[in-house]
């Protein structure tokens, strides 16, 4: 069992067997499942089942996502494994992967991008709010396969103190190379936060998916 597997799993909406689509949300460093679920309640339509796993100690990995990956292990691999487990919970209940959206804020955004880049397939969508692919540099050769036009929202400030805008743009380019349909939104001068424009996009996308 991985480090994060015993964490709580918040749920909202219909039972998985009755849901038209699924949304998995990943919180940021120091937050918890209930925090990111507040976002889920704002954007998910009634027919969308939302699950939010919680990291051990409220942190998915210990140091910056820009540090060498080995400094974030085994936590990082355990986090990716937890995501795979939650996706499996949804698919086994009858929600197809192309109806499952993976999203998150900060650490959760980084994990969302990293997971789909390492496990390319058609997903219902990705919402990466203030995050980028993980590691000191991006080696696009590490990622192969096709995301088959998976819609990917990547939103971030151009002056985010934790997320360099260059990494955000690089991550968007990798997603595009993998065949995703990327909507990159760089917001000038804002803080490390989620903005109304992102909320409107996410709510609209989920409504269409449902």
C-alpha atoms as a PDB file:
ATOM      1  CA  UNK A   1       0.000   0.000   0.000  1.00  0.00           C
ATOM      2  CA  UNK A   2       1.282   3.454  -0.930  1.00  0.00           C
ATOM      3  CA  UNK A   3       1.749   6.327   1.477  1.00  0.00           C
ATOM      4  CA  UNK A   4      -1.365   8.148   0.259  1.00  0.00           C
ATOM      5  CA  UNK A   5      -3.678   5.147  -0.140  1.00  0.00           C
ATOM      6  CA  UNK A   6      -5.083   5.351   3.387  1.00  0.00           C
ATOM      7  CA  UNK A   7      -6.151   8.996   3.066  1.00  0.00           C
ATOM      8  CA  UNK A   8      -9.795   9.999   3.078  1.00  0.00           C
ATOM      9  CA  UNK A   9     -11.818  10.178  -0.118  1.00  0.00           C
ATOM     10  CA  UNK A  10     -14.397  12.974  -0.221  1.00  0.00           C
ATOM     11  CA  UNK A  11     -17.374  12.458  -2.509  1.00  0.00           C
ATOM     12  CA  UNK A  12     -20.112  14.678  -3.894  1.00  0.00           C
ATOM     13  CA  UNK A  13     -23.001  14.171  -6.276  1.00  0.00           C
ATOM     14  CA  UNK A  14     -24.727  11.006  -7.453  1.00  0.00           C
ATOM     15  CA  UNK A  15     -23.469   7.489  -6.892  1.00  0.00           C
ATOM     16  CA  UNK A  16     -20.826   6.436  -9.382  1.00  0.00           C
ATOM     17  CA  UNK A  17     -23.191   3.915 -10.954  1.00  0.00           C
ATOM     18  CA  UNK A  18     -25.756   6.662 -11.627  1.00  0.00           C
ATOM     19  CA  UNK A  19     -23.354   9.419 -12.752  1.00  0.00           C
ATOM     20  CA  UNK A  20     -23.197  10.812 -16.278  1.00  0.00           C
ATOM     21  CA  UNK A  21     -19.555  11.766 -15.799  1.00  0.00           C
ATOM     22  CA  UNK A  22     -16.860  11.881 -13.147  1.00  0.00           C
ATOM     23  CA  UNK A  23     -14.538  14.545 -11.775  1.00  0.00           C
ATOM     24  CA  UNK A  24     -11.444  13.768  -9.700  1.00  0.00           C
ATOM     25  CA  UNK A  25      -9.950  16.749  -7.868  1.00  0.00           C
ATOM     26  CA  UNK A  26      -6.506  16.946  -6.232  1.00  0.00           C
ATOM     27  CA  UNK A  27      -5.754  19.520  -3.549  1.00  0.00           C
ATOM     28  CA  UNK A  28      -2.628  21.611  -3.143  1.00  0.00           C
ATOM     29  CA  UNK A  29       0.122  21.524  -0.530  1.00  0.00           C
ATOM     30  CA  UNK A  30      -1.189  22.006   2.999  1.00  0.00           C
ATOM     31  CA  UNK A  31      -4.826  21.805   1.948  1.00  0.00           C
ATOM     32  CA  UNK A  32      -7.172  18.820   2.076  1.00  0.00           C
ATOM     33  CA  UNK A  33      -9.901  16.995   0.228  1.00  0.00           C
ATOM     34  CA  UNK A  34     -12.624  19.191   1.719  1.00  0.00           C
ATOM     35  CA  UNK A  35     -10.882  22.331   0.440  1.00  0.00           C
ATOM     36  CA  UNK A  36     -10.730  21.219  -3.190  1.00  0.00           C
ATOM     37  CA  UNK A  37     -14.221  19.719  -2.940  1.00  0.00           C
ATOM     38  CA  UNK A  38     -15.553  23.222  -2.327  1.00  0.00           C
ATOM     39  CA  UNK A  39     -14.421  23.969  -5.863  1.00  0.00           C
ATOM     40  CA  UNK A  40     -16.046  20.760  -7.089  1.00  0.00           C
ATOM     41  CA  UNK A  41     -19.395  21.768  -5.638  1.00  0.00           C
ATOM     42  CA  UNK A  42     -19.204  25.068  -7.522  1.00  0.00           C
ATOM     43  CA  UNK A  43     -18.473  23.621 -10.950  1.00  0.00           C
ATOM     44  CA  UNK A  44     -20.004  20.130 -11.125  1.00  0.00           C
ATOM     45  CA  UNK A  45     -23.508  19.637 -12.555  1.00  0.00           C
ATOM     46  CA  UNK A  46     -25.960  17.492 -10.605  1.00  0.00           C
ATOM     47  CA  UNK A  47     -25.277  14.412 -12.717  1.00  0.00           C
ATOM     48  CA  UNK A  48     -21.493  14.531 -12.178  1.00  0.00           C
ATOM     49  CA  UNK A  49     -19.908  12.411  -9.439  1.00  0.00           C
ATOM     50  CA  UNK A  50     -16.944  14.125  -7.778  1.00  0.00           C
ATOM     51  CA  UNK A  51     -14.194  12.365  -5.823  1.00  0.00           C
ATOM     52  CA  UNK A  52     -11.356  14.107  -3.985  1.00  0.00           C
ATOM     53  CA  UNK A  53      -8.604  12.004  -2.401  1.00  0.00           C
ATOM     54  CA  UNK A  54      -6.535  13.436   0.428  1.00  0.00           C
ATOM     55  CA  UNK A  55      -2.752  13.211   0.673  1.00  0.00           C
ATOM     56  CA  UNK A  56      -0.987  11.813   3.714  1.00  0.00           C
ATOM     57  CA  UNK A  57      -0.110  14.830   5.838  1.00  0.00           C
ATOM     58  CA  UNK A  58      -1.940  17.046   3.329  1.00  0.00           C
ATOM     59  CA  UNK A  59       1.107  17.089   1.032  1.00  0.00           C
ATOM     60  CA  UNK A  60       1.453  14.936  -2.077  1.00  0.00           C
ATOM     61  CA  UNK A  61       5.240  15.284  -2.320  1.00  0.00           C
ATOM     62  CA  UNK A  62       7.726  16.989  -0.004  1.00  0.00           C
ATOM     63  CA  UNK A  63       9.687  19.556  -2.054  1.00  0.00           C
ATOM     64  CA  UNK A  64       9.118  21.806  -5.059  1.00  0.00           C
ATOM     65  CA  UNK A  65       7.937  20.154  -8.264  1.00  0.00           C
ATOM     66  CA  UNK A  66      10.986  21.726  -9.935  1.00  0.00           C
ATOM     67  CA  UNK A  67      13.474  19.738  -7.859  1.00  0.00           C
ATOM     68  CA  UNK A  68      15.002  16.420  -9.009  1.00  0.00           C
ATOM     69  CA  UNK A  69      12.279  13.795  -9.000  1.00  0.00           C
ATOM     70  CA  UNK A  70      14.187  11.497  -6.654  1.00  0.00           C
ATOM     71  CA  UNK A  71      13.831  14.136  -3.934  1.00  0.00           C
ATOM     72  CA  UNK A  72      10.055  13.735  -4.172  1.00  0.00           C
ATOM     73  CA  UNK A  73      10.087   9.933  -4.084  1.00  0.00           C
ATOM     74  CA  UNK A  74       8.480   7.681  -3.040  1.00  0.00           C
ATOM     75  CA  UNK A  75       5.703  10.193  -2.351  1.00  0.00           C
ATOM     76  CA  UNK A  76       5.343  11.212  -5.998  1.00  0.00           C
ATOM     77  CA  UNK A  77       4.933   7.652  -7.249  1.00  0.00           C
ATOM     78  CA  UNK A  78       2.503   6.938  -4.423  1.00  0.00           C
ATOM     79  CA  UNK A  79       0.468  10.004  -5.403  1.00  0.00           C
ATOM     80  CA  UNK A  80       0.287   8.896  -9.036  1.00  0.00           C
ATOM     81  CA  UNK A  81      -0.727   5.424  -7.864  1.00  0.00           C
ATOM     82  CA  UNK A  82      -3.534   6.918  -5.752  1.00  0.00           C
ATOM     83  CA  UNK A  83      -4.831   8.766  -8.802  1.00  0.00           C
ATOM     84  CA  UNK A  84      -4.805   5.541 -10.799  1.00  0.00           C
ATOM     85  CA  UNK A  85      -6.771   3.862  -8.022  1.00  0.00           C
ATOM     86  CA  UNK A  86      -9.455   6.545  -7.958  1.00  0.00           C
ATOM     87  CA  UNK A  87      -9.793   6.437 -11.744  1.00  0.00           C
ATOM     88  CA  UNK A  88     -10.148   2.648 -11.501  1.00  0.00           C
ATOM     89  CA  UNK A  89     -12.890   3.104  -8.894  1.00  0.00           C
ATOM     90  CA  UNK A  90     -14.830   5.219 -11.377  1.00  0.00           C
ATOM     91  CA  UNK A  91     -14.278   3.026 -14.426  1.00  0.00           C
ATOM     92  CA  UNK A  92     -15.174  -0.131 -12.522  1.00  0.00           C
ATOM     93  CA  UNK A  93     -18.440   1.547 -11.518  1.00  0.00           C
ATOM     94  CA  UNK A  94     -19.248   2.137 -15.178  1.00  0.00           C
ATOM     95  CA  UNK A  95     -17.944   5.656 -15.920  1.00  0.00           C
ATOM     96  CA  UNK A  96     -15.773   5.426 -19.055  1.00  0.00           C
ATOM     97  CA  UNK A  97     -12.381   7.145 -19.009  1.00  0.00           C
ATOM     98  CA  UNK A  98     -13.494   9.547 -21.735  1.00  0.00           C
ATOM     99  CA  UNK A  99     -16.122  10.824 -19.276  1.00  0.00           C
ATOM    100  CA  UNK A 100     -13.657  11.303 -16.392  1.00  0.00           C
ATOM    101  CA  UNK A 101     -12.000  14.678 -15.826  1.00  0.00           C
ATOM    102  CA  UNK A 102      -8.851  14.958 -13.712  1.00  0.00           C
ATOM    103  CA  UNK A 103      -8.099  18.318 -12.148  1.00  0.00           C
ATOM    104  CA  UNK A 104      -6.307  20.053  -9.346  1.00  0.00           C
ATOM    105  CA  UNK A 105      -4.714  23.163  -7.946  1.00  0.00           C
ATOM    106  CA  UNK A 106      -0.964  23.725  -7.444  1.00  0.00           C
ATOM    107  CA  UNK A 107       0.475  20.335  -6.408  1.00  0.00           C
ATOM    108  CA  UNK A 108      -2.788  18.836  -7.632  1.00  0.00           C
ATOM    109  CA  UNK A 109      -2.407  20.573 -10.997  1.00  0.00           C
ATOM    110  CA  UNK A 110       1.144  19.263 -11.358  1.00  0.00           C
ATOM    111  CA  UNK A 111      -0.011  15.728 -10.584  1.00  0.00           C
ATOM    112  CA  UNK A 112      -2.937  15.973 -13.008  1.00  0.00           C
ATOM    113  CA  UNK A 113      -0.644  16.902 -15.879  1.00  0.00           C
ATOM    114  CA  UNK A 114       2.021  14.367 -14.902  1.00  0.00           C
ATOM    115  CA  UNK A 115      -0.504  11.548 -14.623  1.00  0.00           C
ATOM    116  CA  UNK A 116      -2.106  12.047 -18.035  1.00  0.00           C
ATOM    117  CA  UNK A 117       1.290  12.621 -19.702  1.00  0.00           C
ATOM    118  CA  UNK A 118       2.520   9.305 -18.283  1.00  0.00           C
ATOM    119  CA  UNK A 119      -0.774   7.521 -19.018  1.00  0.00           C
ATOM    120  CA  UNK A 120      -1.895   8.956 -22.351  1.00  0.00           C
ATOM    121  CA  UNK A 121      -5.410   8.027 -23.468  1.00  0.00           C
ATOM    122  CA  UNK A 122      -8.614   9.859 -24.232  1.00  0.00           C
ATOM    123  CA  UNK A 123      -9.790  11.384 -20.946  1.00  0.00           C
ATOM    124  CA  UNK A 124     -12.824  13.521 -20.321  1.00  0.00           C
ATOM    125  CA  UNK A 125     -10.546  16.464 -19.652  1.00  0.00           C
ATOM    126  CA  UNK A 126      -7.818  17.933 -17.498  1.00  0.00           C
ATOM    127  CA  UNK A 127      -8.068  21.062 -15.350  1.00  0.00           C
ATOM    128  CA  UNK A 128      -4.545  22.158 -14.360  1.00  0.00           C
ATOM    129  CA  UNK A 129      -4.866  25.247 -12.164  1.00  0.00           C
ATOM    130  CA  UNK A 130      -1.459  26.769 -11.406  1.00  0.00           C
ATOM    131  CA  UNK A 131       0.849  23.872 -12.174  1.00  0.00           C
ATOM    132  CA  UNK A 132       3.166  22.199 -14.663  1.00  0.00           C
ATOM    133  CA  UNK A 133       4.893  18.925 -15.449  1.00  0.00           C
ATOM    134  CA  UNK A 134       7.188  17.679 -12.698  1.00  0.00           C
ATOM    135  CA  UNK A 135      10.990  17.718 -12.595  1.00  0.00           C
ATOM    136  CA  UNK A 136      13.919  20.148 -12.863  1.00  0.00           C
ATOM    137  CA  UNK A 137      13.556  20.158 -16.653  1.00  0.00           C
ATOM    138  CA  UNK A 138      11.143  18.681 -19.147  1.00  0.00           C
ATOM    139  CA  UNK A 139      12.405  15.900 -21.372  1.00  0.00           C
ATOM    140  CA  UNK A 140       9.653  15.493 -23.915  1.00  0.00           C
ATOM    141  CA  UNK A 141      11.132  12.127 -24.870  1.00  0.00           C
ATOM    142  CA  UNK A 142       9.904  10.746 -21.536  1.00  0.00           C
ATOM    143  CA  UNK A 143       6.319  11.028 -22.705  1.00  0.00           C
ATOM    144  CA  UNK A 144       4.846   9.079 -25.596  1.00  0.00           C
ATOM    145  CA  UNK A 145       1.446   7.972 -26.787  1.00  0.00           C
ATOM    146  CA  UNK A 146      -1.703   9.887 -27.636  1.00  0.00           C
ATOM    147  CA  UNK A 147      -4.158  11.890 -25.552  1.00  0.00           C
ATOM    148  CA  UNK A 148      -6.537  11.702 -28.535  1.00  0.00           C
ATOM    149  CA  UNK A 149      -7.749  15.306 -28.373  1.00  0.00           C
ATOM    150  CA  UNK A 150      -8.370  15.262 -24.620  1.00  0.00           C
ATOM    151  CA  UNK A 151      -9.399  18.822 -23.660  1.00  0.00           C
ATOM    152  CA  UNK A 152      -6.775  20.311 -21.334  1.00  0.00           C
ATOM    153  CA  UNK A 153      -7.149  23.610 -19.488  1.00  0.00           C
ATOM    154  CA  UNK A 154      -3.895  25.038 -18.127  1.00  0.00           C
ATOM    155  CA  UNK A 155      -4.329  28.295 -16.238  1.00  0.00           C
ATOM    156  CA  UNK A 156      -1.709  30.228 -14.258  1.00  0.00           C
ATOM    157  CA  UNK A 157      -0.450  33.683 -13.363  1.00  0.00           C
ATOM    158  CA  UNK A 158       2.532  35.040 -15.261  1.00  0.00           C
ATOM    159  CA  UNK A 159       4.108  35.995 -11.901  1.00  0.00           C
ATOM    160  CA  UNK A 160       3.134  32.987  -9.794  1.00  0.00           C
ATOM    161  CA  UNK A 161       5.769  32.685  -7.031  1.00  0.00           C
ATOM    162  CA  UNK A 162       5.754  28.869  -7.189  1.00  0.00           C
ATOM    163  CA  UNK A 163       5.073  28.091 -10.850  1.00  0.00           C
ATOM    164  CA  UNK A 164       7.392  29.641 -13.480  1.00  0.00           C
ATOM    165  CA  UNK A 165       5.392  30.716 -16.498  1.00  0.00           C
ATOM    166  CA  UNK A 166       8.055  29.152 -18.747  1.00  0.00           C
ATOM    167  CA  UNK A 167       7.272  25.734 -17.223  1.00  0.00           C
ATOM    168  CA  UNK A 168       3.561  26.306 -17.776  1.00  0.00           C
ATOM    169  CA  UNK A 169       4.160  27.019 -21.468  1.00  0.00           C
ATOM    170  CA  UNK A 170       6.513  24.035 -21.811  1.00  0.00           C
ATOM    171  CA  UNK A 171       3.912  21.779 -20.214  1.00  0.00           C
ATOM    172  CA  UNK A 172       1.242  23.015 -22.600  1.00  0.00           C
ATOM    173  CA  UNK A 173       3.551  22.257 -25.526  1.00  0.00           C
ATOM    174  CA  UNK A 174       4.086  18.679 -24.302  1.00  0.00           C
ATOM    175  CA  UNK A 175       0.346  18.170 -23.948  1.00  0.00           C
ATOM    176  CA  UNK A 176      -0.171  19.435 -27.492  1.00  0.00           C
ATOM    177  CA  UNK A 177       2.559  17.138 -28.815  1.00  0.00           C
ATOM    178  CA  UNK A 178       0.748  14.233 -27.147  1.00  0.00           C
ATOM    179  CA  UNK A 179      -2.393  15.137 -29.051  1.00  0.00           C
ATOM    180  CA  UNK A 180      -4.374  17.048 -26.431  1.00  0.00           C
ATOM    181  CA  UNK A 181      -6.550  20.039 -27.273  1.00  0.00           C
ATOM    182  CA  UNK A 182      -4.949  22.623 -25.013  1.00  0.00           C
ATOM    183  CA  UNK A 183      -6.503  25.849 -23.756  1.00  0.00           C
ATOM    184  CA  UNK A 184      -3.613  27.785 -22.180  1.00  0.00           C
ATOM    185  CA  UNK A 185      -4.657  30.805 -20.133  1.00  0.00           C
ATOM    186  CA  UNK A 186      -1.963  33.038 -18.649  1.00  0.00           C
ATOM    187  CA  UNK A 187      -3.357  35.687 -16.299  1.00  0.00           C
ATOM    188  CA  UNK A 188      -1.238  38.835 -15.906  1.00  0.00           C
ATOM    189  CA  UNK A 189      -0.233  39.916 -12.426  1.00  0.00           C
ATOM    190  CA  UNK A 190      -2.544  37.726 -10.332  1.00  0.00           C
ATOM    191  CA  UNK A 191      -1.708  35.697  -7.221  1.00  0.00           C
ATOM    192  CA  UNK A 192      -1.363  31.912  -6.798  1.00  0.00           C
ATOM    193  CA  UNK A 193      -5.089  31.332  -6.994  1.00  0.00           C
ATOM    194  CA  UNK A 194      -8.081  30.185  -9.042  1.00  0.00           C
ATOM    195  CA  UNK A 195      -9.938  32.868 -10.996  1.00  0.00           C
ATOM    196  CA  UNK A 196     -13.546  33.208 -12.140  1.00  0.00           C
ATOM    197  CA  UNK A 197     -12.579  32.692 -15.778  1.00  0.00           C
ATOM    198  CA  UNK A 198     -11.281  29.212 -14.920  1.00  0.00           C
ATOM    199  CA  UNK A 199     -14.386  28.391 -12.907  1.00  0.00           C
ATOM    200  CA  UNK A 200     -16.617  29.348 -15.840  1.00  0.00           C
ATOM    201  CA  UNK A 201     -14.576  27.212 -18.245  1.00  0.00           C
ATOM    202  CA  UNK A 202     -14.679  24.186 -15.948  1.00  0.00           C
ATOM    203  CA  UNK A 203     -18.389  24.437 -15.242  1.00  0.00           C
ATOM    204  CA  UNK A 204     -19.171  24.793 -18.944  1.00  0.00           C
ATOM    205  CA  UNK A 205     -16.962  21.843 -19.892  1.00  0.00           C
ATOM    206  CA  UNK A 206     -18.523  19.562 -17.277  1.00  0.00           C
ATOM    207  CA  UNK A 207     -22.034  20.587 -18.332  1.00  0.00           C
ATOM    208  CA  UNK A 208     -21.235  19.573 -21.915  1.00  0.00           C
ATOM    209  CA  UNK A 209     -19.644  16.312 -20.788  1.00  0.00           C
ATOM    210  CA  UNK A 210     -22.678  15.415 -18.685  1.00  0.00           C
END
